[in-house]
């Protein structure tokens, strides 16, 4: 009897969801002005799934994207990655770079929710104090607690001087701090909702964003509805224009592509091997048959793909590997054709990584930099010879560890390096295992990505600061250089953007010379939208901003 009841309950739930979906569909087909309820529904798929709608756990793009629709912070990034006002309408920074004061808007309200007796209330500076203290509280266990690593450790680090004036004190100057505050981790939350829902806040989000959660059946579908009290406007009209956002969770990317091709999804994000040749030609343009149906948005993405090389000679396995020699690491860098790799394996999506770790899209990226590596197999052979290797004394085999998603790329590099004298053995491991081994310095040679958490070059250069050795920081190669460290510390004190960029380039140049990494490519954001979708833009951190998007008939 218990099993029958459970079966009946699940089918009732699914029937209710079906009825809701049919209603949503009928609303979407109704006529009238594009602002009418149910008229404009924007649909996208999230194959990775969503586990939480609590912004304290928005550590990756799937969660950042949905939290971006539900929450706001003090500031935000525009499409040029410049910091703009959000809930804070203005701010000042003290001359010593330690005190930030934010003047808040007085017209921002939380979503209607039962904790407010199905009403709402205005956001105040006290809500930011609560939200920020919660984020860095160890009991919260947020992966984003690090964003306040440079904030004063005292209880008064975050202070509400009144309802609309917030003060934050740092321990030391940190120029990227404003950019960090644009991250979803730093969203404002109402203490009433967090305390009332407790651990269930993850599925009962209450924010200030352009949309609120209407329905969520985990791993099946999520629906967000328009927030009629949203504070932002455009040309005198209150945003957002869309009436709803519908998110599906199809795991198979080819299935999602077919849904997009049928017109059942409005957005397709990224390129997958399953459909890249169907969608794009070798030049990275839409295939002719799709040019009348889809629009393609492509722009730099703050993601550097690279091979990491462990260089800590205090470790026995590093000392015994040929990779501990700088000349061998440089030979790897010269030994494969990044342009060919992008053309044939990525259908032209991406920029060959012939410069430093700082990617295209960052101010300090220098396309004409005098450092980096072009394809030069002869130079590669000469470097191996200088390290004492030849046909009679070949380079000992080295193992490259990767995940299955990048196997084709690793095989390409393996083949090219073989031509200059390397023997590369590829080991494919699950992503979780690779992350663990990388953090524990168990990998001598590995494929990795570094996606910027905030739009400052320090994000990438932190990978090489000696005090950031993994597992306590992101320095997975255990690179250590006194000159680099002194430049890194100097950059923290430099508030002039041009001078700071010069310091960043010096550091990038030094890393390239020592070659603890082999940069593969700088990624690009690639979005495909239906022709009737308007107002869609993007930026180099791949934000999904839907408040200004609308759909034509």
Protein backbone atom coordinates (compact mmCIF):
# COMPACT_ATOMS: atom_id res chain seq x y z
CA UNK A 1 0.00 0.00 0.00
CA UNK A 2 2.85 2.35 0.83
CA UNK A 3 4.43 1.79 -2.60
CA UNK A 4 1.08 2.43 -4.34
CA UNK A 5 0.65 5.69 -2.45
CA UNK A 6 4.15 6.82 -3.35
CA UNK A 7 3.51 5.92 -7.01
CA UNK A 8 0.21 7.83 -6.97
CA UNK A 9 1.83 10.86 -5.29
CA UNK A 10 4.63 11.04 -7.88
CA UNK A 11 2.15 10.80 -10.76
CA UNK A 12 -0.02 13.52 -9.25
CA UNK A 13 3.07 15.73 -9.02
CA UNK A 14 3.99 15.02 -12.62
CA UNK A 15 0.40 15.63 -13.77
CA UNK A 16 0.39 18.97 -11.93
CA UNK A 17 3.66 19.90 -13.61
CA UNK A 18 2.21 18.87 -17.00
CA UNK A 19 -0.84 21.08 -16.43
CA UNK A 20 1.44 23.99 -15.45
CA UNK A 21 3.60 23.42 -18.55
CA UNK A 22 0.52 23.37 -20.82
CA UNK A 23 -0.69 26.61 -19.24
CA UNK A 24 2.72 28.18 -19.76
CA UNK A 25 2.68 27.02 -23.39
CA UNK A 26 -0.80 28.43 -24.01
CA UNK A 27 0.23 31.73 -22.45
CA UNK A 28 3.27 31.84 -24.69
CA UNK A 29 1.09 31.43 -27.77
CA UNK A 30 -1.37 34.20 -26.84
CA UNK A 31 -1.37 37.48 -28.72
CA UNK A 32 -0.92 41.05 -27.52
CA UNK A 33 1.81 43.40 -26.37
CA UNK A 34 5.24 41.90 -25.69
CA UNK A 35 4.97 42.94 -22.03
CA UNK A 36 1.79 40.90 -21.42
CA UNK A 37 2.01 38.04 -18.92
CA UNK A 38 3.18 34.81 -20.52
CA UNK A 39 3.79 36.37 -23.90
CA UNK A 40 7.57 36.20 -23.91
CA UNK A 41 9.21 33.10 -22.51
CA UNK A 42 12.96 32.73 -22.97
CA UNK A 43 14.10 29.09 -23.01
CA UNK A 44 17.57 27.65 -22.50
CA UNK A 45 19.03 24.30 -21.47
CA UNK A 46 21.44 23.63 -18.62
CA UNK A 47 23.06 20.19 -19.14
CA UNK A 48 25.15 20.34 -15.96
CA UNK A 49 22.07 20.75 -13.77
CA UNK A 50 21.49 23.11 -10.85
CA UNK A 51 21.91 22.04 -7.23
CA UNK A 52 21.27 25.31 -5.36
CA UNK A 53 19.81 28.76 -5.87
CA UNK A 54 21.75 30.16 -2.90
CA UNK A 55 24.28 32.65 -4.34
CA UNK A 56 26.78 31.66 -1.64
CA UNK A 57 27.25 28.49 -3.70
CA UNK A 58 27.28 30.04 -7.19
CA UNK A 59 30.75 28.75 -8.02
CA UNK A 60 30.28 27.80 -11.70
CA UNK A 61 28.49 29.14 -14.78
CA UNK A 62 25.27 27.08 -14.48
CA UNK A 63 24.67 28.44 -10.97
CA UNK A 64 25.99 31.93 -11.74
CA UNK A 65 23.66 32.22 -14.74
CA UNK A 66 20.49 31.41 -12.85
CA UNK A 67 21.51 33.42 -9.75
CA UNK A 68 22.14 36.38 -12.05
CA UNK A 69 18.41 36.44 -12.78
CA UNK A 70 17.46 36.22 -9.08
CA UNK A 71 19.90 38.48 -7.24
CA UNK A 72 21.79 41.77 -7.32
CA UNK A 73 24.85 43.06 -5.53
CA UNK A 74 26.36 46.47 -4.89
CA UNK A 75 27.89 46.69 -8.37
CA UNK A 76 27.89 44.84 -11.69
CA UNK A 77 30.06 44.52 -14.80
CA UNK A 78 29.06 45.93 -18.17
CA UNK A 79 29.90 44.33 -21.50
CA UNK A 80 33.34 45.99 -21.43
CA UNK A 81 33.99 44.53 -17.94
CA UNK A 82 33.87 47.97 -16.35
CA UNK A 83 32.30 48.21 -12.89
CA UNK A 84 28.91 49.95 -12.89
CA UNK A 85 26.37 50.79 -10.17
CA UNK A 86 23.74 48.23 -9.24
CA UNK A 87 22.15 48.56 -5.77
CA UNK A 88 24.96 50.98 -4.89
CA UNK A 89 24.44 54.18 -6.87
CA UNK A 90 27.87 55.60 -6.00
CA UNK A 91 30.97 54.89 -3.92
CA UNK A 92 34.22 56.39 -2.67
CA UNK A 93 37.58 54.81 -1.84
CA UNK A 94 39.90 56.31 0.76
CA UNK A 95 43.34 57.54 -0.31
CA UNK A 96 45.04 54.61 1.41
CA UNK A 97 42.80 52.15 -0.49
CA UNK A 98 41.49 50.57 2.73
CA UNK A 99 38.00 52.05 3.20
CA UNK A 100 35.14 51.71 0.69
CA UNK A 101 31.88 53.59 1.21
CA UNK A 102 28.78 52.79 -0.86
CA UNK A 103 25.67 54.94 -1.13
CA UNK A 104 22.71 52.63 -1.79
CA UNK A 105 19.56 53.21 -3.79
CA UNK A 106 16.42 53.52 -1.68
CA UNK A 107 14.04 51.98 -4.25
CA UNK A 108 15.24 48.34 -4.29
CA UNK A 109 12.89 45.71 -2.87
CA UNK A 110 13.16 41.99 -2.18
CA UNK A 111 10.86 39.59 -4.02
CA UNK A 112 7.41 39.04 -2.54
CA UNK A 113 7.61 36.03 -0.22
CA UNK A 114 5.69 34.38 2.65
CA UNK A 115 8.39 35.50 5.10
CA UNK A 116 7.17 39.06 4.45
CA UNK A 117 3.51 37.96 4.72
CA UNK A 118 3.41 37.68 0.92
CA UNK A 119 4.59 41.25 0.62
CA UNK A 120 8.09 42.66 0.36
CA UNK A 121 10.44 45.10 2.02
CA UNK A 122 13.12 47.56 1.01
CA UNK A 123 16.80 46.63 0.93
CA UNK A 124 19.04 48.43 3.41
CA UNK A 125 22.76 48.55 4.18
CA UNK A 126 22.07 46.21 7.12
CA UNK A 127 21.11 43.49 4.63
CA UNK A 128 24.54 43.71 3.02
CA UNK A 129 26.23 43.48 6.43
CA UNK A 130 24.22 40.32 7.13
CA UNK A 131 24.86 38.83 3.67
CA UNK A 132 28.61 39.50 3.70
CA UNK A 133 29.11 38.19 7.24
CA UNK A 134 27.12 35.08 6.32
CA UNK A 135 29.29 34.52 3.25
CA UNK A 136 32.55 34.52 5.19
CA UNK A 137 31.15 32.62 8.19
CA UNK A 138 32.81 29.15 8.22
CA UNK A 139 29.46 27.65 9.22
CA UNK A 140 28.05 28.64 5.83
CA UNK A 141 30.83 26.62 4.11
CA UNK A 142 30.59 28.78 1.02
CA UNK A 143 33.21 28.17 -1.70
CA UNK A 144 33.08 31.94 -2.19
CA UNK A 145 34.30 32.92 1.27
CA UNK A 146 37.68 33.73 -0.27
CA UNK A 147 36.28 36.88 -1.91
CA UNK A 148 36.69 38.65 1.43
CA UNK A 149 40.21 37.38 2.08
CA UNK A 150 41.51 40.98 1.98
CA UNK A 151 38.73 42.39 4.17
CA UNK A 152 39.54 43.32 7.76
CA UNK A 153 38.95 40.39 10.11
CA UNK A 154 37.24 42.45 12.80
CA UNK A 155 33.50 42.36 13.43
CA UNK A 156 33.23 45.94 12.18
CA UNK A 157 34.72 45.20 8.74
CA UNK A 158 31.21 45.60 7.29
CA UNK A 159 29.24 48.50 8.79
CA UNK A 160 25.85 50.01 8.04
CA UNK A 161 26.35 53.69 8.89
CA UNK A 162 22.65 54.16 8.17
CA UNK A 163 20.05 52.47 5.92
CA UNK A 164 21.69 53.68 2.71
CA UNK A 165 25.37 53.98 3.62
CA UNK A 166 27.60 50.89 3.77
CA UNK A 167 31.27 50.85 4.76
CA UNK A 168 33.81 48.08 4.09
CA UNK A 169 37.34 48.07 5.50
CA UNK A 170 40.22 46.12 3.96
CA UNK A 171 43.37 44.83 5.66
CA UNK A 172 45.53 45.94 2.75
CA UNK A 173 44.96 47.68 -0.58
CA UNK A 174 43.55 45.41 -3.26
CA UNK A 175 42.69 47.22 -6.54
CA UNK A 176 40.51 44.37 -7.96
CA UNK A 177 38.15 44.52 -4.96
CA UNK A 178 35.36 46.40 -6.77
CA UNK A 179 35.37 43.79 -9.52
CA UNK A 180 35.15 41.02 -6.93
CA UNK A 181 32.04 42.66 -5.46
CA UNK A 182 30.31 42.12 -8.82
CA UNK A 183 30.39 38.34 -8.28
CA UNK A 184 27.15 36.54 -7.45
CA UNK A 185 28.65 35.43 -4.13
CA UNK A 186 28.24 39.06 -3.02
CA UNK A 187 24.49 39.23 -3.63
CA UNK A 188 22.22 40.78 -1.03
CA UNK A 189 19.83 38.50 0.91
CA UNK A 190 17.09 39.17 3.48
CA UNK A 191 17.94 37.68 6.88
CA UNK A 192 14.28 36.73 7.40
CA UNK A 193 14.29 34.33 4.43
CA UNK A 194 17.69 32.81 5.23
CA UNK A 195 16.69 32.17 8.83
CA UNK A 196 13.17 30.95 8.01
CA UNK A 197 14.13 28.50 5.25
CA UNK A 198 17.45 27.41 6.73
CA UNK A 199 19.02 24.67 4.60
CA UNK A 200 16.03 24.87 2.25
CA UNK A 201 16.95 28.41 1.20
CA UNK A 202 18.70 26.76 -1.76
CA UNK A 203 15.26 26.02 -3.25
CA UNK A 204 13.39 29.03 -1.78
CA UNK A 205 15.50 31.93 -3.06
CA UNK A 206 14.54 35.48 -2.15
CA UNK A 207 16.50 38.17 -3.94
CA UNK A 208 16.06 41.47 -5.74
CA UNK A 209 16.71 40.35 -9.33
CA UNK A 210 14.66 40.83 -12.50
CA UNK A 211 13.04 37.39 -12.05
CA UNK A 212 11.85 35.27 -9.15
CA UNK A 213 11.50 31.49 -8.84
CA UNK A 214 8.03 30.29 -9.84
CA UNK A 215 8.58 26.54 -10.19
CA UNK A 216 11.46 24.07 -9.90
CA UNK A 217 11.21 20.34 -10.46
CA UNK A 218 14.81 19.30 -9.98
CA UNK A 219 16.54 17.78 -13.03
CA UNK A 220 13.42 18.35 -15.12
CA UNK A 221 12.52 22.03 -15.46
CA UNK A 222 12.76 25.41 -13.76
CA UNK A 223 10.61 28.46 -14.43
CA UNK A 224 11.41 32.03 -13.39
CA UNK A 225 8.79 34.78 -13.63
CA UNK A 226 9.09 38.51 -14.16
CA UNK A 227 9.65 40.65 -11.05
CA UNK A 228 7.20 43.53 -11.47
CA UNK A 229 8.99 45.51 -8.74
CA UNK A 230 12.43 45.35 -10.32
CA UNK A 231 14.30 48.62 -9.85
CA UNK A 232 16.07 49.00 -13.22
CA UNK A 233 14.53 50.81 -16.17
CA UNK A 234 15.43 51.48 -19.80
CA UNK A 235 14.13 54.49 -21.71
CA UNK A 236 11.55 55.02 -19.00
CA UNK A 237 10.29 51.42 -19.14
CA UNK A 238 10.64 49.08 -16.21
CA UNK A 239 12.77 46.00 -16.85
CA UNK A 240 12.74 43.10 -17.57
CA UNK A 241 10.92 42.79 -20.91
CA UNK A 242 10.59 39.00 -20.73
CA UNK A 243 7.70 37.52 -18.79
CA UNK A 244 9.36 34.22 -17.95
CA UNK A 245 12.53 32.19 -18.27
CA UNK A 246 12.22 28.44 -18.75
CA UNK A 247 15.26 26.24 -18.06
CA UNK A 248 15.44 22.58 -19.08
CA UNK A 249 18.06 20.06 -17.95
CA UNK A 250 18.77 17.85 -20.93
CA UNK A 251 22.07 16.10 -20.23
CA UNK A 252 22.79 15.01 -23.79
CA UNK A 253 24.21 18.00 -25.69
CA UNK A 254 23.24 16.63 -29.10
CA UNK A 255 19.62 16.37 -27.93
CA UNK A 256 19.80 19.99 -26.75
CA UNK A 257 21.18 21.03 -30.15
CA UNK A 258 18.27 19.29 -31.91
CA UNK A 259 15.82 21.11 -29.61
CA UNK A 260 17.49 24.40 -30.53
CA UNK A 261 17.42 23.51 -34.24
CA UNK A 262 13.66 22.82 -33.95
CA UNK A 263 13.16 26.22 -32.33
CA UNK A 264 12.24 24.79 -28.91
CA UNK A 265 15.20 26.55 -27.28
CA UNK A 266 16.10 30.21 -27.74
CA UNK A 267 19.77 29.93 -26.74
CA UNK A 268 22.54 27.42 -27.39
CA UNK A 269 25.72 28.15 -25.46
CA UNK A 270 29.16 26.90 -26.41
CA UNK A 271 30.53 24.45 -28.94
CA UNK A 272 30.47 20.70 -28.35
CA UNK A 273 32.18 18.08 -30.53
CA UNK A 274 28.79 16.38 -30.92
CA UNK A 275 27.47 19.16 -33.17
CA UNK A 276 30.31 21.59 -33.96
CA UNK A 277 30.78 20.39 -37.56
CA UNK A 278 27.05 20.47 -38.17
CA UNK A 279 26.78 24.04 -36.92
CA UNK A 280 30.07 25.67 -37.98
CA UNK A 281 32.44 25.57 -40.92
CA UNK A 282 36.23 25.39 -40.58
CA UNK A 283 36.46 29.18 -40.43
CA UNK A 284 34.23 29.27 -37.37
CA UNK A 285 31.21 30.75 -39.18
CA UNK A 286 27.67 29.42 -39.19
CA UNK A 287 26.99 26.84 -41.86
CA UNK A 288 25.07 28.44 -44.73
CA UNK A 289 21.87 26.48 -44.05
CA UNK A 290 21.61 28.05 -40.57
CA UNK A 291 22.51 31.64 -41.40
CA UNK A 292 18.90 32.66 -42.02
CA UNK A 293 17.68 31.01 -38.79
CA UNK A 294 20.28 31.72 -36.11
CA UNK A 295 22.49 34.55 -34.93
CA UNK A 296 25.98 33.87 -33.59
CA UNK A 297 27.54 35.98 -30.84
CA UNK A 298 31.27 35.47 -30.43
CA UNK A 299 33.64 37.47 -28.23
CA UNK A 300 36.71 36.87 -26.05
CA UNK A 301 36.17 34.76 -22.94
CA UNK A 302 38.40 35.13 -19.89
CA UNK A 303 39.42 31.49 -19.99
CA UNK A 304 42.98 30.33 -20.64
CA UNK A 305 43.41 26.66 -21.55
CA UNK A 306 46.87 25.31 -20.79
CA UNK A 307 49.13 22.42 -19.87
CA UNK A 308 50.54 22.74 -16.36
CA UNK A 309 53.97 21.39 -15.45
CA UNK A 310 54.97 20.72 -11.85
CA UNK A 311 58.34 22.44 -11.30
CA UNK A 312 58.92 21.90 -7.57
CA UNK A 313 62.31 20.18 -7.51
CA UNK A 314 61.94 19.41 -3.81
CA UNK A 315 59.61 16.61 -4.97
CA UNK A 316 61.39 13.42 -5.98
CA UNK A 317 59.14 12.72 -8.98
CA UNK A 318 59.89 16.18 -10.37
CA UNK A 319 63.66 15.81 -9.99
CA UNK A 320 63.53 12.51 -11.87
CA UNK A 321 61.43 13.94 -14.72
CA UNK A 322 62.92 15.68 -17.77
CA UNK A 323 60.27 18.39 -17.23
CA UNK A 324 62.28 19.89 -14.37
CA UNK A 325 64.59 21.34 -17.07
CA UNK A 326 63.54 24.76 -18.40
CA UNK A 327 64.83 23.91 -21.90
CA UNK A 328 62.58 20.82 -22.07
CA UNK A 329 59.54 22.85 -20.98
CA UNK A 330 60.35 25.49 -23.60
CA UNK A 331 60.73 22.73 -26.20
CA UNK A 332 57.18 21.59 -25.45
CA UNK A 333 55.96 25.15 -25.97
CA UNK A 334 57.62 25.43 -29.39
CA UNK A 335 56.67 21.91 -30.44
CA UNK A 336 53.00 22.12 -31.46
CA UNK A 337 50.97 24.25 -33.87
CA UNK A 338 48.29 26.15 -31.94
CA UNK A 339 46.85 27.75 -35.09
CA UNK A 340 46.25 24.35 -36.69
CA UNK A 341 44.79 23.04 -33.43
CA UNK A 342 42.22 25.86 -33.29
CA UNK A 343 41.31 25.52 -36.96
CA UNK A 344 40.74 21.76 -37.04
CA UNK A 345 39.75 20.85 -33.48
CA UNK A 346 37.83 23.97 -32.48
CA UNK A 347 36.40 25.08 -35.85
CA UNK A 348 38.09 28.45 -35.44
CA UNK A 349 36.57 29.14 -32.00
CA UNK A 350 39.35 30.51 -29.82
CA UNK A 351 42.60 32.45 -30.15
CA UNK A 352 45.86 30.47 -30.35
CA UNK A 353 47.75 30.83 -27.04
CA UNK A 354 50.97 32.19 -28.48
CA UNK A 355 51.43 34.89 -25.83
CA UNK A 356 51.15 34.64 -22.03
CA UNK A 357 48.68 33.37 -19.45
CA UNK A 358 46.79 36.67 -19.57
CA UNK A 359 44.05 36.07 -22.16
CA UNK A 360 42.57 38.15 -24.92
CA UNK A 361 39.94 40.48 -23.46
CA UNK A 362 42.13 41.70 -20.57
CA UNK A 363 43.70 45.19 -20.74
CA UNK A 364 47.21 43.76 -20.18
CA UNK A 365 46.85 41.26 -23.04
CA UNK A 366 49.37 42.29 -25.68
CA UNK A 367 48.86 40.74 -29.16
CA UNK A 368 52.26 42.13 -30.19
CA UNK A 369 54.06 41.03 -26.99
CA UNK A 370 57.69 40.03 -27.44
CA UNK A 371 57.15 36.94 -25.28
CA UNK A 372 55.29 33.68 -25.80
CA UNK A 373 55.69 30.78 -28.22
CA UNK A 374 54.97 30.28 -31.91
CA UNK A 375 55.21 26.87 -33.60
CA UNK A 376 58.92 26.25 -34.26
CA UNK A 377 59.80 22.53 -34.36
CA UNK A 378 63.43 23.25 -35.23
CA UNK A 379 63.79 25.46 -32.14
CA UNK A 380 62.18 22.68 -30.11
CA UNK A 381 64.76 20.13 -31.30
CA UNK A 382 67.61 22.57 -30.57
CA UNK A 383 66.37 23.06 -27.00
CA UNK A 384 66.18 19.31 -26.43
CA UNK A 385 69.74 18.99 -27.73
CA UNK A 386 70.89 21.73 -25.34
CA UNK A 387 69.34 19.70 -22.50
CA UNK A 388 71.40 16.67 -23.53
CA UNK A 389 68.79 14.70 -25.49
CA UNK A 390 69.26 13.25 -28.96
CA UNK A 391 68.31 10.24 -31.08
CA UNK A 392 70.88 8.17 -29.15
CA UNK A 393 69.63 9.49 -25.81
CA UNK A 394 65.91 10.23 -26.26
CA UNK A 395 63.73 12.16 -23.85
CA UNK A 396 62.23 9.79 -21.24
CA UNK A 397 58.46 9.31 -21.63
CA UNK A 398 56.21 11.74 -19.75
CA UNK A 399 52.55 11.24 -18.83
CA UNK A 400 49.96 13.89 -19.67
CA UNK A 401 46.80 13.66 -17.53
CA UNK A 402 43.52 14.97 -18.93
CA UNK A 403 39.77 14.47 -18.84
CA UNK A 404 37.83 12.87 -21.69
CA UNK A 405 36.51 16.26 -22.93
CA UNK A 406 40.01 17.26 -24.05
CA UNK A 407 41.29 13.92 -25.32
CA UNK A 408 41.25 14.97 -28.99
CA UNK A 409 43.28 18.09 -28.20
CA UNK A 410 45.82 16.12 -26.15
CA UNK A 411 46.21 13.52 -28.90
CA UNK A 412 46.90 16.32 -31.38
CA UNK A 413 49.68 17.73 -29.18
CA UNK A 414 50.99 14.22 -28.50
CA UNK A 415 51.33 13.58 -32.23
CA UNK A 416 53.11 16.87 -32.92
CA UNK A 417 55.52 16.56 -29.99
CA UNK A 418 56.42 13.06 -31.13
CA UNK A 419 57.80 14.62 -34.33
CA UNK A 420 60.39 16.61 -32.34
CA UNK A 421 61.48 13.78 -30.02
CA UNK A 422 58.97 13.53 -27.16
CA UNK A 423 57.13 10.41 -26.06
CA UNK A 424 53.86 11.57 -24.47
CA UNK A 425 51.66 9.00 -22.77
CA UNK A 426 48.08 10.19 -22.21
CA UNK A 427 46.14 9.22 -19.09
CA UNK A 428 42.39 9.99 -19.05
CA UNK A 429 40.90 10.44 -15.57
CA UNK A 430 37.53 11.67 -14.21
CA UNK A 431 37.36 15.45 -13.58
CA UNK A 432 37.06 15.02 -9.79
CA UNK A 433 40.15 12.80 -9.70
CA UNK A 434 42.15 15.28 -11.80
CA UNK A 435 41.17 18.16 -9.49
CA UNK A 436 42.20 16.17 -6.42
CA UNK A 437 45.54 15.00 -7.84
CA UNK A 438 46.32 18.48 -9.15
CA UNK A 439 45.63 20.05 -5.76
CA UNK A 440 47.82 17.50 -3.99
CA UNK A 441 50.76 17.94 -6.42
CA UNK A 442 50.42 14.40 -7.74
CA UNK A 443 50.45 15.41 -11.42
CA UNK A 444 53.67 16.33 -13.20
CA UNK A 445 51.98 17.22 -16.51
CA UNK A 446 48.28 18.03 -16.79
CA UNK A 447 45.69 19.86 -18.86
CA UNK A 448 43.86 22.65 -17.05
CA UNK A 449 41.69 25.73 -17.54
CA UNK A 450 41.69 29.00 -15.64
CA UNK A 451 38.50 31.04 -15.89
CA UNK A 452 38.66 34.48 -14.31
CA UNK A 453 36.54 34.92 -11.21
CA UNK A 454 36.86 38.70 -11.54
CA UNK A 455 38.13 40.91 -14.38
CA UNK A 456 41.68 41.61 -13.30
CA UNK A 457 44.91 40.07 -14.57
CA UNK A 458 45.96 39.30 -10.98
CA UNK A 459 43.45 36.45 -11.28
CA UNK A 460 45.77 34.61 -13.69
CA UNK A 461 49.08 35.65 -12.17
CA UNK A 462 48.01 34.39 -8.75
CA UNK A 463 48.64 30.91 -10.18
CA UNK A 464 52.38 31.59 -9.94
CA UNK A 465 52.74 33.44 -6.62
CA UNK A 466 54.85 31.30 -4.28
CA UNK A 467 52.56 31.82 -1.28
CA UNK A 468 49.69 30.29 -3.27
CA UNK A 469 51.14 26.77 -3.44
CA UNK A 470 48.39 24.14 -3.78
CA UNK A 471 46.54 22.77 -1.91
CA UNK A 472 46.23 26.09 -0.04
CA UNK A 473 46.07 28.15 -3.22
CA UNK A 474 45.86 27.89 -7.02
CA UNK A 475 49.61 27.55 -7.71
CA UNK A 476 49.33 23.97 -9.02
CA UNK A 477 52.75 24.05 -10.73
CA UNK A 478 54.53 25.15 -7.50
CA UNK A 479 56.30 27.85 -9.50
CA UNK A 480 58.50 30.02 -7.26
CA UNK A 481 60.48 33.04 -8.37
CA UNK A 482 61.64 35.94 -6.15
CA UNK A 483 61.46 38.56 -8.91
CA UNK A 484 57.93 37.48 -9.83
CA UNK A 485 56.82 37.63 -6.18
CA UNK A 486 58.15 41.16 -5.71
CA UNK A 487 56.38 42.36 -8.88
CA UNK A 488 53.18 40.65 -7.75
CA UNK A 489 53.24 42.46 -4.40
CA UNK A 490 54.05 45.78 -6.10
CA UNK A 491 50.99 45.43 -8.33
CA UNK A 492 48.75 45.35 -5.24
CA UNK A 493 49.91 48.84 -4.30
CA UNK A 494 49.61 50.34 -7.78
CA UNK A 495 46.28 52.10 -8.38
CA UNK A 496 47.18 53.48 -11.81
CA UNK A 497 45.74 51.03 -14.37
CA UNK A 498 48.40 51.68 -17.02
CA UNK A 499 51.29 51.21 -14.60
CA UNK A 500 49.65 48.10 -13.15
CA UNK A 501 49.29 46.63 -16.64
CA UNK A 502 53.03 47.11 -17.19
CA UNK A 503 53.75 45.15 -14.02
CA UNK A 504 51.37 42.42 -15.12
CA UNK A 505 53.13 42.11 -18.49
CA UNK A 506 56.52 41.85 -16.77
CA UNK A 507 55.19 38.99 -14.65
CA UNK A 508 53.59 37.29 -17.64
CA UNK A 509 56.85 37.54 -19.59
CA UNK A 510 58.82 36.00 -16.74
CA UNK A 511 56.38 33.08 -16.47
CA UNK A 512 56.62 32.43 -20.19
CA UNK A 513 60.43 32.34 -20.05
CA UNK A 514 60.44 29.83 -17.19
CA UNK A 515 57.62 27.86 -18.88
CA UNK A 516 55.81 26.13 -15.98
CA UNK A 517 52.88 26.11 -18.40
CA UNK A 518 52.25 25.64 -22.11
CA UNK A 519 49.36 27.90 -23.09
CA UNK A 520 47.02 26.20 -25.57
CA UNK A 521 44.44 28.83 -26.45
CA UNK A 522 42.33 31.71 -25.17
CA UNK A 523 38.70 30.70 -25.31
CA UNK A 524 35.82 32.63 -26.83
CA UNK A 525 32.22 32.96 -25.75
CA UNK A 526 30.08 31.42 -28.49
CA UNK A 527 26.32 31.87 -28.26
CA UNK A 528 23.71 30.97 -30.81
CA UNK A 529 20.26 32.52 -30.59
CA UNK A 530 17.07 32.34 -32.62
CA UNK A 531 16.61 35.21 -35.05
CA UNK A 532 13.65 36.58 -33.11
CA UNK A 533 15.68 37.05 -29.90
CA UNK A 534 16.74 40.68 -29.47
CA UNK A 535 18.82 42.57 -26.95
CA UNK A 536 21.16 39.67 -26.18
CA UNK A 537 24.71 40.78 -25.45
CA UNK A 538 27.67 39.21 -23.69
CA UNK A 539 30.98 39.93 -22.05
CA UNK A 540 34.30 38.22 -21.48
CA UNK A 541 33.19 36.59 -18.21
CA UNK A 542 30.26 34.98 -20.08
CA UNK A 543 27.49 36.55 -18.01
CA UNK A 544 23.90 35.81 -18.97
CA UNK A 545 21.96 39.07 -18.60
CA UNK A 546 18.32 38.70 -19.60
CA UNK A 547 16.72 41.86 -18.19
CA UNK A 548 17.06 43.69 -21.55
CA UNK A 549 16.25 40.72 -23.81
CA UNK A 550 12.98 40.44 -25.69
CA UNK A 551 11.47 38.34 -28.48
CA UNK A 552 9.84 39.44 -31.68
CA UNK A 553 6.73 37.76 -33.10
